[in-house]
N, C-alpha and C. Protein backbone atom coordinates (compact mmCIF):
# COMPACT_ATOMS: atom_id res chain seq x y z
N UNK A 1 33.05 26.23 -13.96
CA UNK A 1 32.66 26.14 -14.57
C UNK A 1 30.82 26.18 -14.08
N UNK A 2 29.93 26.64 -13.68
CA UNK A 2 28.98 26.52 -13.48
C UNK A 2 28.25 25.34 -13.84
N UNK A 3 27.77 24.43 -12.90
CA UNK A 3 27.00 22.91 -13.17
C UNK A 3 25.61 23.24 -13.91
N UNK A 4 25.39 22.27 -14.82
CA UNK A 4 23.91 22.31 -15.25
C UNK A 4 22.96 21.81 -14.15
N UNK A 5 21.71 22.51 -14.44
CA UNK A 5 20.65 21.88 -13.21
C UNK A 5 20.38 20.21 -13.86
N UNK A 6 20.21 19.35 -12.79
CA UNK A 6 20.26 18.12 -12.93
C UNK A 6 18.68 17.74 -13.31
N UNK A 7 18.66 17.07 -14.20
CA UNK A 7 17.17 16.16 -14.81
C UNK A 7 16.61 15.54 -13.67
N UNK A 8 15.46 16.17 -13.41
CA UNK A 8 14.29 15.12 -12.66
C UNK A 8 13.52 14.56 -13.18
N UNK A 9 13.36 13.28 -13.03
CA UNK A 9 12.41 12.44 -13.58
C UNK A 9 11.66 11.63 -12.11
N UNK A 10 9.99 11.81 -12.41
CA UNK A 10 9.55 11.59 -11.43
C UNK A 10 8.75 10.28 -11.75
N UNK A 11 8.74 9.06 -11.17
CA UNK A 11 7.90 7.82 -11.79
C UNK A 11 6.94 7.31 -10.45
N UNK A 12 5.80 7.60 -11.27
CA UNK A 12 4.41 7.42 -10.55
C UNK A 12 3.56 6.11 -10.61
N UNK A 13 2.89 5.81 -9.74
CA UNK A 13 1.75 4.31 -10.34
C UNK A 13 1.43 3.61 -9.27
N UNK A 14 0.39 3.30 -9.11
CA UNK A 14 -0.40 2.50 -8.06
C UNK A 14 0.54 1.85 -7.11
N UNK A 15 0.56 1.38 -5.96
CA UNK A 15 1.33 0.55 -5.30
C UNK A 15 1.06 -0.76 -5.73
N UNK A 16 2.32 -1.52 -6.45
CA UNK A 16 2.94 -2.76 -6.72
C UNK A 16 2.60 -2.51 -8.17
N UNK A 17 2.79 -1.38 -8.72
CA UNK A 17 2.83 -1.27 -10.41
C UNK A 17 3.88 -1.69 -10.98
N UNK A 18 5.28 -1.54 -10.07
CA UNK A 18 6.33 -1.91 -10.57
C UNK A 18 7.30 -0.85 -11.03
N UNK A 19 7.22 0.17 -10.21
CA UNK A 19 7.92 1.55 -10.29
C UNK A 19 9.54 1.39 -10.03
N UNK A 20 9.76 0.55 -9.44
CA UNK A 20 11.10 -0.06 -8.86
C UNK A 20 11.79 -0.64 -9.89
N UNK A 21 10.75 -1.69 -10.75
CA UNK A 21 11.46 -2.31 -11.76
C UNK A 21 11.70 -1.55 -12.73
N UNK A 22 11.02 -0.36 -13.07
CA UNK A 22 11.10 0.34 -14.43
C UNK A 22 12.46 1.09 -13.73
N UNK A 23 12.65 2.15 -12.29
CA UNK A 23 13.85 2.72 -12.04
C UNK A 23 15.05 2.05 -12.16
N UNK A 24 15.21 0.36 -11.70
CA UNK A 24 16.26 -0.17 -11.74
C UNK A 24 16.58 -0.57 -13.37
N UNK A 25 15.52 -0.66 -14.34
CA UNK A 25 16.54 -0.88 -15.60
C UNK A 25 16.52 0.05 -16.45
N UNK A 26 16.12 1.31 -15.97
CA UNK A 26 16.73 3.13 -16.47
C UNK A 26 18.29 2.79 -15.45
N UNK A 27 18.41 2.71 -14.48
CA UNK A 27 20.02 3.03 -13.55
C UNK A 27 20.65 1.66 -14.68
N UNK A 28 20.64 0.37 -14.63
CA UNK A 28 21.22 -0.56 -14.97
C UNK A 28 21.76 0.11 -16.24
N UNK A 29 21.21 0.99 -17.30
CA UNK A 29 21.41 1.59 -18.37
C UNK A 29 22.48 2.73 -18.32
N UNK A 30 22.38 3.24 -17.12
CA UNK A 30 23.60 4.45 -17.22
C UNK A 30 24.66 4.36 -16.33
N UNK A 31 25.48 5.01 -15.82
CA UNK A 31 26.49 5.39 -14.94
C UNK A 31 25.67 5.42 -13.39
N UNK A 32 25.59 4.31 -12.61
CA UNK A 32 24.87 4.57 -10.82
C UNK A 32 24.93 5.77 -10.27
N UNK A 33 26.44 6.22 -11.06
CA UNK A 33 26.72 7.53 -10.15
C UNK A 33 26.41 8.86 -10.31
N UNK A 34 25.46 8.93 -11.60
CA UNK A 34 25.37 10.12 -12.40
C UNK A 34 23.55 9.93 -11.84
N UNK A 35 23.09 9.39 -10.62
CA UNK A 35 21.73 9.16 -10.65
C UNK A 35 21.65 9.23 -8.97
N UNK A 36 20.64 9.82 -8.42
CA UNK A 36 20.11 9.93 -7.03
C UNK A 36 18.90 9.90 -6.95
N UNK A 37 18.38 8.78 -6.11
CA UNK A 37 16.86 8.56 -5.79
C UNK A 37 15.78 8.87 -4.89
N UNK A 38 15.25 9.44 -4.69
CA UNK A 38 14.13 10.04 -3.61
C UNK A 38 13.12 9.01 -3.65
N UNK A 39 12.28 8.44 -2.47
CA UNK A 39 11.23 7.79 -2.24
C UNK A 39 10.08 8.08 -1.59
N UNK A 40 9.33 8.74 -2.33
CA UNK A 40 8.33 9.53 -1.27
C UNK A 40 8.24 9.05 -0.22
N UNK A 41 7.51 7.19 -0.20
CA UNK A 41 7.42 6.45 0.85
C UNK A 41 8.11 6.30 1.93
N UNK A 42 9.28 7.34 1.89
CA UNK A 42 10.48 7.52 3.01
C UNK A 42 10.13 8.56 3.88
N UNK A 43 9.26 9.21 3.34
CA UNK A 43 8.71 10.83 3.92
C UNK A 43 7.59 10.66 4.45
N UNK A 44 6.91 9.54 4.89
CA UNK A 44 5.84 9.05 5.49
C UNK A 44 6.40 9.99 7.16
N UNK A 45 4.91 11.23 7.62
CA UNK A 45 5.19 11.81 8.68
C UNK A 45 5.80 11.20 9.86
N UNK A 46 6.13 11.48 10.65
CA UNK A 46 6.89 10.72 11.88
C UNK A 46 5.82 10.79 12.80
N UNK A 47 5.20 10.00 13.38
CA UNK A 47 4.32 9.56 14.27
C UNK A 47 4.69 8.81 15.52
N UNK A 48 6.02 9.30 16.05
CA UNK A 48 6.22 8.20 16.85
C UNK A 48 5.66 8.46 17.91
N UNK A 49 5.33 9.59 18.58
CA UNK A 49 4.16 9.94 19.55
C UNK A 49 3.02 9.36 19.86
N UNK A 50 3.06 8.67 18.41
CA UNK A 50 1.61 8.22 18.78
C UNK A 50 1.85 6.64 19.01
N UNK A 51 0.58 5.70 19.92
CA UNK A 51 0.43 4.48 20.04
C UNK A 51 0.92 3.53 19.44
N UNK A 52 1.34 2.22 19.08
CA UNK A 52 1.55 1.59 17.54
C UNK A 52 0.38 1.21 17.14
N UNK A 53 -1.31 1.04 17.99
CA UNK A 53 -2.13 0.49 17.52
C UNK A 53 -2.32 1.65 16.48
N UNK A 54 -2.45 3.07 17.06
CA UNK A 54 -3.02 4.33 15.95
C UNK A 54 -1.90 4.57 14.91
N UNK A 55 -0.73 4.23 15.12
CA UNK A 55 0.22 3.82 13.90
C UNK A 55 -0.62 3.39 12.91
N UNK A 56 -0.70 2.04 13.32
CA UNK A 56 -1.34 1.23 12.52
C UNK A 56 -2.78 1.29 11.73
N UNK A 57 -3.27 2.58 12.47
CA UNK A 57 -4.58 3.15 11.83
C UNK A 57 -4.70 4.04 10.86
N UNK A 58 -3.38 4.55 10.67
CA UNK A 58 -3.53 5.59 10.11
C UNK A 58 -3.66 5.36 8.61
N UNK A 59 -4.15 6.50 7.65
CA UNK A 59 -4.56 6.10 6.27
C UNK A 59 -3.51 6.62 5.39
N UNK A 60 -2.12 5.64 5.23
CA UNK A 60 -1.10 6.26 4.62
C UNK A 60 -1.42 5.89 3.35
N UNK A 61 -2.37 5.80 2.45
CA UNK A 61 -2.58 6.29 1.33
C UNK A 61 -2.62 7.54 1.12
N UNK A 62 -3.28 8.08 1.82
CA UNK A 62 -3.98 9.95 1.68
C UNK A 62 -2.14 10.70 1.68
N UNK A 63 -2.75 11.62 0.78
CA UNK A 63 -1.41 12.84 0.44
C UNK A 63 -0.74 13.34 1.86
N UNK A 64 -1.80 13.54 2.87
CA UNK A 64 -1.64 14.15 4.20
C UNK A 64 -0.89 12.88 4.86
N UNK A 65 -0.39 11.62 4.83
CA UNK A 65 0.27 11.10 5.44
C UNK A 65 1.86 11.32 5.52
N UNK A 66 1.89 12.14 4.42
CA UNK A 66 3.19 12.31 3.68
C UNK A 66 3.89 13.61 3.91
N UNK A 67 5.17 13.88 4.50
CA UNK A 67 5.77 14.60 4.60
C UNK A 67 6.39 15.90 3.21
N UNK A 68 5.49 15.74 2.43
CA UNK A 68 5.86 16.20 0.96
C UNK A 68 6.54 17.24 0.91
N UNK A 69 6.32 18.16 1.72
CA UNK A 69 7.39 19.65 2.19
C UNK A 69 8.24 19.35 2.42
N UNK A 70 8.68 18.35 3.17
CA UNK A 70 10.06 18.18 3.37
C UNK A 70 10.79 17.32 1.87
N UNK A 71 10.10 16.32 1.27
CA UNK A 71 10.74 15.91 -0.03
C UNK A 71 11.08 16.96 -0.89
N UNK A 72 10.14 18.02 -1.02
CA UNK A 72 10.37 19.08 -1.93
C UNK A 72 11.44 19.90 -1.48
N UNK A 73 11.67 20.48 -0.43
CA UNK A 73 12.83 20.82 0.28
C UNK A 73 14.44 20.29 -0.12
N UNK A 74 14.12 18.30 -0.07
CA UNK A 74 15.08 17.76 -0.08
C UNK A 74 15.38 18.04 -1.90
N UNK A 75 14.59 18.19 -2.65
CA UNK A 75 14.80 17.62 -4.07
C UNK A 75 15.18 19.63 -4.66
N UNK A 76 14.66 20.47 -3.94
CA UNK A 76 15.16 21.81 -4.04
C UNK A 76 16.56 21.82 -3.78
N UNK A 77 17.33 21.03 -2.73
CA UNK A 77 18.41 21.36 -2.16
C UNK A 77 19.43 20.52 -3.38
N UNK A 78 18.65 19.65 -3.45
CA UNK A 78 19.78 19.12 -4.49
C UNK A 78 19.66 19.27 -6.13
N UNK A 79 19.18 20.09 -6.40
CA UNK A 79 18.90 20.95 -7.41
C UNK A 79 19.78 21.98 -7.60
N UNK A 80 20.31 22.35 -6.24
CA UNK A 80 21.49 23.36 -6.26
C UNK A 80 22.51 22.81 -5.89
N UNK A 81 22.94 21.59 -6.10
CA UNK A 81 23.93 20.67 -6.02
C UNK A 81 24.47 20.48 -4.57
N UNK A 82 23.51 20.24 -3.33
CA UNK A 82 23.74 20.36 -2.15
C UNK A 82 22.71 19.13 -1.87
N UNK A 83 24.24 18.34 -0.75
CA UNK A 83 23.56 17.09 -0.60
C UNK A 83 22.27 17.08 0.59
N UNK A 84 21.40 16.07 0.80
CA UNK A 84 20.64 16.12 2.01
C UNK A 84 20.25 15.01 2.87
N UNK A 85 19.47 15.02 3.93
CA UNK A 85 19.60 13.87 4.51
C UNK A 85 18.08 13.19 4.50
N UNK A 86 17.95 12.35 3.95
CA UNK A 86 16.46 11.85 3.53
C UNK A 86 16.53 10.93 4.78
N UNK A 87 14.82 10.82 5.17
CA UNK A 87 14.34 10.06 5.98
C UNK A 87 14.47 8.61 5.53
N UNK A 88 14.66 7.76 6.84
CA UNK A 88 14.52 6.61 7.01
C UNK A 88 13.11 6.04 7.66
N UNK A 89 12.17 5.12 6.83
CA UNK A 89 10.84 4.63 7.36
C UNK A 89 11.12 3.56 7.88
N UNK A 90 10.54 3.19 8.82
CA UNK A 90 10.31 1.37 9.05
C UNK A 90 8.88 1.28 9.28
N UNK A 91 8.97 0.11 7.91
CA UNK A 91 7.05 -0.27 7.75
C UNK A 91 6.86 -1.04 8.95
N UNK A 92 7.66 -1.71 9.57
CA UNK A 92 7.16 -2.78 10.22
C UNK A 92 6.93 -2.30 11.84
N UNK A 93 7.15 -1.11 11.73
CA UNK A 93 6.89 0.20 13.55
C UNK A 93 6.12 0.69 12.96
N UNK A 94 5.92 1.16 11.90
CA UNK A 94 4.94 2.51 11.23
C UNK A 94 5.50 3.73 11.96
N UNK A 95 7.13 3.78 11.48
CA UNK A 95 7.69 4.94 12.52
C UNK A 95 8.88 5.54 11.94
N UNK A 96 9.87 6.81 12.05
CA UNK A 96 10.78 7.06 11.26
C UNK A 96 11.85 6.61 12.20
N UNK A 97 13.14 6.62 11.52
CA UNK A 97 14.42 5.89 12.19
C UNK A 97 14.60 7.39 12.51
N UNK A 98 15.07 7.76 13.56
CA UNK A 98 16.08 9.13 14.30
C UNK A 98 16.93 9.71 13.26
N UNK A 99 17.78 8.66 12.91
CA UNK A 99 18.57 9.35 11.49
C UNK A 99 18.16 8.74 10.28
N UNK A 100 18.78 9.76 9.14
CA UNK A 100 18.36 9.30 7.91
C UNK A 100 19.89 9.15 7.17
N UNK A 101 19.31 9.21 5.77
CA UNK A 101 20.30 8.62 4.70
C UNK A 101 20.94 10.01 4.08
N UNK A 102 22.07 10.23 3.92
CA UNK A 102 22.59 11.00 3.06
C UNK A 102 22.47 10.84 1.74
N UNK A 103 22.09 11.69 1.01
CA UNK A 103 21.90 11.61 -0.68
C UNK A 103 22.85 12.93 -1.04
N UNK A 104 23.47 12.43 -2.05
CA UNK A 104 24.53 13.32 -2.58
C UNK A 104 24.16 13.79 -3.90
N UNK A 105 24.08 15.06 -4.41
CA UNK A 105 23.46 15.41 -5.62
C UNK A 105 24.06 14.59 -6.69
N UNK A 106 23.23 14.84 -8.01
CA UNK A 106 23.88 13.76 -9.14
C UNK A 106 23.40 14.47 -10.13
N UNK A 107 23.49 13.88 -11.51
CA UNK A 107 23.12 14.69 -12.79
C UNK A 107 21.66 14.51 -13.19
N UNK A 108 21.15 13.38 -12.14
CA UNK A 108 19.90 13.07 -12.60
C UNK A 108 19.36 12.36 -11.11
N UNK A 109 17.81 13.06 -10.86
CA UNK A 109 17.28 12.66 -9.85
C UNK A 109 16.29 12.41 -10.09
N UNK A 110 15.76 10.73 -9.48
CA UNK A 110 14.35 9.89 -9.84
C UNK A 110 13.85 9.83 -8.74
N UNK A 111 13.01 10.69 -8.68
CA UNK A 111 11.71 10.65 -7.53
C UNK A 111 10.73 9.59 -8.07
N UNK A 112 10.33 8.83 -6.75
CA UNK A 112 9.05 7.96 -6.99
C UNK A 112 8.11 8.24 -6.05
N UNK A 113 6.99 7.23 -6.16
CA UNK A 113 6.07 7.19 -5.42
C UNK A 113 4.63 6.97 -5.61
N UNK A 114 3.76 6.96 -5.02
CA UNK A 114 2.47 6.29 -5.56
C UNK A 114 1.46 8.01 -5.99
N UNK A 115 2.43 9.00 -4.88
CA UNK A 115 1.22 10.12 -5.02
C UNK A 115 1.81 11.39 -5.34
N UNK A 116 2.90 11.26 -6.04
CA UNK A 116 4.29 12.58 -6.67
C UNK A 116 3.60 13.32 -7.23
N UNK A 117 2.93 12.68 -8.15
CA UNK A 117 2.07 13.42 -9.13
C UNK A 117 0.75 14.53 -8.87
N UNK A 118 0.52 14.22 -7.14
CA UNK A 118 -0.71 15.10 -6.57
C UNK A 118 -0.26 16.59 -6.43
N UNK A 119 0.55 16.69 -5.86
CA UNK A 119 1.13 18.09 -5.07
C UNK A 119 2.03 18.33 -6.55
N UNK A 120 1.21 19.90 -6.83
CA UNK A 120 1.83 20.65 -7.79
C UNK A 120 3.11 21.05 -7.73
N UNK A 121 3.42 21.44 -6.77
CA UNK A 121 4.53 22.24 -6.29
C UNK A 121 5.91 21.22 -6.51
N UNK A 122 5.55 19.62 -6.39
CA UNK A 122 6.71 18.91 -6.34
C UNK A 122 6.64 18.96 -8.38
N UNK A 123 5.10 18.19 -8.57
CA UNK A 123 5.11 17.93 -9.88
C UNK A 123 5.66 18.93 -10.58
N UNK A 124 5.85 20.15 -10.49
CA UNK A 124 6.76 21.32 -11.60
C UNK A 124 8.25 21.27 -11.15
N UNK A 125 8.75 20.47 -10.47
CA UNK A 125 10.32 20.26 -10.21
C UNK A 125 10.82 19.15 -11.19
N UNK A 126 9.76 18.27 -11.77
CA UNK A 126 10.04 17.45 -12.41
C UNK A 126 10.18 17.99 -13.89
N UNK A 127 11.25 17.38 -15.12
CA UNK A 127 11.50 17.28 -16.27
C UNK A 127 10.74 16.47 -17.16
N UNK A 128 10.27 15.38 -16.46
CA UNK A 128 10.09 14.22 -17.09
C UNK A 128 9.22 13.28 -16.02
N UNK A 129 7.65 12.91 -16.40
CA UNK A 129 6.76 12.24 -15.53
C UNK A 129 6.38 11.18 -16.12
N UNK A 130 6.61 9.85 -15.43
CA UNK A 130 6.32 8.60 -15.75
C UNK A 130 5.05 8.28 -15.01
N UNK A 131 4.25 7.51 -15.40
CA UNK A 131 3.19 6.93 -14.97
C UNK A 131 3.25 5.68 -15.17
N UNK A 132 3.50 4.55 -14.31
CA UNK A 132 3.60 3.36 -14.50
C UNK A 132 2.23 2.68 -13.93
N UNK A 133 1.20 2.26 -15.18
CA UNK A 133 0.02 1.94 -15.71
C UNK A 133 -0.30 0.15 -15.46
N UNK A 134 -0.40 -0.28 -14.48
CA UNK A 134 -1.06 -1.92 -14.27
C UNK A 134 -2.26 -2.29 -13.44
N UNK A 135 -2.90 -3.32 -14.27
CA UNK A 135 -3.94 -3.43 -13.72
C UNK A 135 -4.01 -3.78 -12.23
N UNK A 136 -5.17 -3.57 -11.68
CA UNK A 136 -5.01 -3.61 -10.20
C UNK A 136 -5.12 -5.27 -9.68
N UNK A 137 -5.70 -6.00 -10.76
CA UNK A 137 -5.41 -7.66 -9.86
C UNK A 137 -3.85 -8.05 -9.34
N UNK A 138 -2.96 -7.58 -10.76
CA UNK A 138 -1.41 -7.51 -10.28
C UNK A 138 -1.09 -7.09 -9.32
N UNK A 139 -1.21 -5.60 -9.36
CA UNK A 139 -0.69 -4.84 -8.33
C UNK A 139 -0.90 -5.38 -7.03
N UNK A 140 -2.41 -5.76 -6.66
CA UNK A 140 -3.07 -6.36 -5.46
C UNK A 140 -1.87 -7.26 -5.19
N UNK A 141 -1.69 -8.40 -5.85
CA UNK A 141 -0.95 -9.58 -5.80
C UNK A 141 0.15 -9.06 -5.54
N UNK A 142 1.30 -8.35 -5.93
CA UNK A 142 2.33 -7.65 -5.81
C UNK A 142 2.72 -7.27 -4.45
N UNK A 143 1.54 -6.49 -3.90
CA UNK A 143 1.30 -5.87 -2.71
C UNK A 143 1.43 -6.94 -1.54
N UNK A 144 0.77 -8.10 -1.68
CA UNK A 144 0.00 -8.68 -0.73
C UNK A 144 1.70 -9.59 -0.46
N UNK A 145 2.32 -9.91 -1.73
CA UNK A 145 3.64 -10.48 -1.09
C UNK A 145 4.50 -9.88 -0.62
N UNK A 146 4.59 -8.44 -1.21
CA UNK A 146 5.92 -7.45 -0.44
C UNK A 146 5.53 -7.31 0.97
N UNK A 147 4.15 -7.19 1.30
CA UNK A 147 4.26 -6.93 2.73
C UNK A 147 3.63 -8.26 3.64
N UNK A 148 3.68 -9.27 2.68
CA UNK A 148 3.78 -10.28 3.96
C UNK A 148 5.28 -10.87 4.21
N UNK A 149 6.00 -10.54 3.21
CA UNK A 149 7.65 -10.91 3.28
C UNK A 149 8.36 -10.31 3.54
N UNK A 150 8.29 -8.94 3.39
CA UNK A 150 9.40 -7.23 3.60
C UNK A 150 8.63 -6.81 4.98
N UNK A 151 7.58 -6.84 5.04
CA UNK A 151 7.27 -5.91 6.31
C UNK A 151 6.21 -6.66 7.20
N UNK A 152 6.20 -8.13 7.49
CA UNK A 152 5.70 -9.18 8.26
C UNK A 152 4.18 -9.01 8.58
N UNK A 153 3.89 -8.35 7.94
CA UNK A 153 2.48 -8.32 8.06
C UNK A 153 1.30 -9.49 7.57
N UNK A 154 0.62 -9.31 8.18
CA UNK A 154 -0.64 -10.90 8.29
C UNK A 154 -1.65 -10.54 6.79
N UNK A 155 -1.74 -11.69 6.52
CA UNK A 155 -2.76 -11.80 5.27
C UNK A 155 -3.88 -11.01 5.50
N UNK A 156 -4.27 -10.91 6.33
CA UNK A 156 -5.87 -9.96 6.89
C UNK A 156 -5.57 -8.64 6.63
N UNK A 157 -4.55 -8.41 7.59
CA UNK A 157 -4.08 -6.77 7.72
C UNK A 157 -3.47 -6.05 6.20
N UNK A 158 -3.51 -7.35 5.43
CA UNK A 158 -2.88 -6.52 3.69
C UNK A 158 -3.89 -6.49 3.36
N UNK A 159 -5.00 -7.37 3.53
CA UNK A 159 -6.24 -7.46 2.60
C UNK A 159 -7.22 -5.95 3.11
N UNK A 160 -7.12 -6.11 4.33
CA UNK A 160 -8.23 -5.19 5.27
C UNK A 160 -8.06 -3.60 4.88
N UNK A 161 -6.38 -3.56 4.77
CA UNK A 161 -5.80 -2.35 4.69
C UNK A 161 -5.88 -1.94 2.85
N UNK A 162 -5.80 -2.73 2.06
CA UNK A 162 -6.56 -2.58 0.88
C UNK A 162 -7.82 -2.40 0.75
N UNK A 163 -8.64 -3.00 1.25
CA UNK A 163 -9.89 -2.43 0.59
C UNK A 163 -10.52 -1.32 1.18
N UNK A 164 -10.00 -0.75 2.50
CA UNK A 164 -10.20 0.26 3.40
C UNK A 164 -9.58 1.46 3.11
N UNK A 165 -8.49 1.73 2.61
CA UNK A 165 -7.40 2.76 1.98
C UNK A 165 -6.83 2.78 0.93
N UNK A 166 -6.16 1.60 0.68
CA UNK A 166 -5.97 1.35 -0.81
C UNK A 166 -6.17 1.68 -2.08
N UNK A 167 -7.25 0.83 -1.84
CA UNK A 167 -8.19 1.13 -3.39
C UNK A 167 -8.97 2.47 -3.33
N UNK A 168 -9.87 2.69 -2.28
CA UNK A 168 -10.60 4.04 -2.65
C UNK A 168 -9.19 5.31 -2.70
N UNK A 169 -8.40 5.03 -2.35
CA UNK A 169 -7.17 6.31 -2.51
C UNK A 169 -6.77 6.41 -3.54
N UNK A 170 -6.50 5.07 -4.19
CA UNK A 170 -5.74 5.25 -5.83
C UNK A 170 -6.76 5.67 -6.29
N UNK A 171 -8.10 4.98 -6.28
CA UNK A 171 -9.06 5.78 -7.37
C UNK A 171 -9.39 7.31 -7.37
N UNK A 172 -9.08 8.12 -5.67
CA UNK A 172 -9.53 9.19 -5.65
C UNK A 172 -8.15 10.01 -5.84
N UNK A 173 -6.89 9.57 -5.93
CA UNK A 173 -5.65 10.29 -6.06
C UNK A 173 -4.69 9.77 -7.17
N UNK A 174 -4.18 8.61 -6.69
CA UNK A 174 -3.25 8.19 -8.11
C UNK A 174 -3.81 8.17 -9.33
N UNK A 175 -5.01 7.09 -9.54
CA UNK A 175 -5.29 7.29 -10.91
C UNK A 175 -5.85 8.75 -11.85
N UNK A 176 -6.73 9.39 -10.80
CA UNK A 176 -6.73 10.48 -11.57
C UNK A 176 -5.27 11.65 -12.06
N UNK A 177 -4.43 11.34 -11.08
CA UNK A 177 -2.83 12.15 -11.09
C UNK A 177 -1.89 11.27 -12.69
N UNK A 178 -2.79 10.30 -13.01
CA UNK A 178 -1.94 9.95 -14.54
C UNK A 178 -1.89 11.02 -15.69
N UNK A 179 -2.76 11.75 -15.34
CA UNK A 179 -3.14 12.73 -16.61
C UNK A 179 -2.09 14.39 -16.65
N UNK A 180 -0.95 13.63 -15.72
CA UNK A 180 0.06 14.71 -15.30
C UNK A 180 1.15 14.02 -16.11
N UNK A 181 1.17 12.66 -16.82
CA UNK A 181 2.35 11.92 -17.25
C UNK A 181 2.96 12.19 -18.20
N UNK A 182 3.91 12.53 -18.86
CA UNK A 182 4.56 12.72 -20.40
C UNK A 182 4.56 11.24 -20.53
N UNK A 183 4.92 10.04 -20.14
CA UNK A 183 5.11 8.89 -20.81
C UNK A 183 4.20 8.07 -19.79
N UNK A 184 3.24 7.10 -20.46
CA UNK A 184 2.48 5.99 -19.70
C UNK A 184 3.43 4.76 -19.87
N UNK A 185 3.41 4.24 -19.07
CA UNK A 185 4.51 2.49 -19.26
C UNK A 185 3.34 1.61 -18.96
N UNK A 186 2.43 0.85 -19.58
CA UNK A 186 2.20 -0.55 -19.45
C UNK A 186 2.43 -1.21 -18.50
N UNK A 187 1.68 -1.99 -17.62
CA UNK A 187 1.88 -3.02 -16.81
C UNK A 187 3.28 -3.23 -16.18
N UNK A 188 4.01 -2.21 -16.09
CA UNK A 188 5.15 -2.00 -15.28
C UNK A 188 6.85 -2.65 -16.02
N UNK A 189 6.27 -2.70 -17.57
CA UNK A 189 7.19 -3.01 -18.51
C UNK A 189 7.00 -2.62 -19.69
N UNK A 190 8.04 -1.91 -20.29
CA UNK A 190 7.88 -1.67 -21.24
C UNK A 190 9.27 -0.94 -22.03
N UNK A 191 10.16 -1.77 -22.65
CA UNK A 191 11.94 -1.68 -23.49
C UNK A 191 11.74 -0.37 -24.14
N UNK A 192 10.66 -0.22 -24.93
CA UNK A 192 10.42 0.75 -25.81
C UNK A 192 10.81 1.85 -24.97
N UNK A 193 9.76 2.25 -23.94
CA UNK A 193 9.57 3.48 -23.10
C UNK A 193 10.79 3.63 -22.20
N UNK A 194 11.29 2.49 -21.96
CA UNK A 194 12.60 2.77 -20.95
C UNK A 194 13.77 2.97 -21.84
N UNK A 195 13.83 2.65 -23.28
CA UNK A 195 14.66 3.14 -23.74
C UNK A 195 14.65 4.95 -24.33
N UNK A 196 13.31 5.03 -24.21
CA UNK A 196 13.05 6.66 -24.53
C UNK A 196 13.46 7.39 -23.13
N UNK A 197 13.36 6.84 -21.97
CA UNK A 197 14.00 7.84 -21.26
C UNK A 197 15.31 7.45 -21.34
N UNK A 198 16.34 6.61 -21.45
CA UNK A 198 17.53 6.29 -21.28
C UNK A 198 18.30 7.27 -22.13
N UNK A 199 18.16 7.63 -23.16
CA UNK A 199 18.22 8.19 -24.41
C UNK A 199 17.77 9.63 -24.00
N UNK A 200 16.99 10.07 -22.93
CA UNK A 200 16.88 11.38 -22.64
C UNK A 200 17.96 11.76 -21.48
N UNK A 201 18.30 10.72 -20.71
CA UNK A 201 19.05 10.85 -19.99
C UNK A 201 20.49 11.10 -20.38
N UNK A 202 20.63 10.33 -21.27
CA UNK A 202 22.35 10.13 -22.18
C UNK A 202 22.62 11.56 -22.93
N UNK A 203 21.57 11.82 -23.44
CA UNK A 203 21.45 13.41 -23.78
C UNK A 203 21.62 14.50 -23.04
N UNK A 204 20.92 13.98 -21.62
CA UNK A 204 21.55 15.31 -20.58
C UNK A 204 22.79 15.43 -20.32
N UNK A 205 23.15 13.89 -19.99
CA UNK A 205 24.62 13.84 -19.63
C UNK A 205 25.75 14.21 -20.21
N UNK A 206 25.73 13.94 -21.96
CA UNK A 206 26.42 14.38 -22.84
C UNK A 206 26.47 15.91 -22.73
N UNK A 207 24.73 16.59 -22.88
CA UNK A 207 25.36 18.14 -22.76
C UNK A 207 25.98 18.02 -22.01
N UNK A 208 25.97 18.01 -20.59
CA UNK A 208 26.64 18.45 -19.48
C UNK A 208 28.12 17.83 -19.87
N UNK A 209 28.73 17.12 -20.28
CA UNK A 209 29.99 16.73 -20.40
C UNK A 209 30.18 17.60 -21.40
N UNK A 210 29.79 18.45 -22.08
CA UNK A 210 30.47 18.99 -23.49
C UNK A 210 30.29 20.50 -22.74
N UNK A 211 29.57 21.08 -22.06
CA UNK A 211 29.84 22.15 -21.12
C UNK A 211 30.72 22.19 -19.90
N UNK A 212 31.21 21.00 -19.67
CA UNK A 212 32.31 21.24 -18.42
C UNK A 212 33.66 21.11 -19.03
C-alpha cells in the first residue's frame, strides 16, 4: 500500500528565539524514528573558494546567503520517501564540509531556520508553520553565549555582526515573515502550543497506521 504524504512542520523565528528548544520538546513527546529534521543554516552556500576573511564578511542573515533551492529539492525528495544528503556547515571556518549527512524519510519532517518563511516555494511545502516570537534582548544574549562557546567567536565580532546584519535582516525579513505562521509561540516556550503540535502529529501518525 502506498505510504501517506509526510507531515511537514516549519519552525521559524529570530536567531536565539528558542526554535531548537521547541523542536526538542515536540520530538520528546513522539517516537524520534517518526521524525526527520532539516536545518536551513546547514544550507549556507559553499564559499570555500573565497579567502577566510571574505567568508567572514558575508551577510549570513540575508536570504541570498543560503542555498534554499537545495533545501527545497531535499524536502521534495523526502516527501517522495527518498533519502537525501543534507550539507554540513562548519560555522568556525564559514565553509561547507565535503561530505554531508544522510537523512532518511520519515512520517514527520521538521524544517527550521530564521528565513524559512521568506521563500514562497519552501513555505508552500509546509503543512504547519510555527513562528517562535522572542524578545530581541533575550535573543541577542542567547546568540552571544552560543557564538562564543560553540563557534569560537570573539565578543566584539558577535556584537559587530549583530548590529551590522543580524538586527537589520531580522527587521527586513524575519519579523515580517511572521504573518505566514499558523501558530505563534511566545518567548520560545509554550506547553499549550507544543501540545497542539504534538496532537496534530499524533493524529497524522495514527491516520497513517490505520491506512497501513
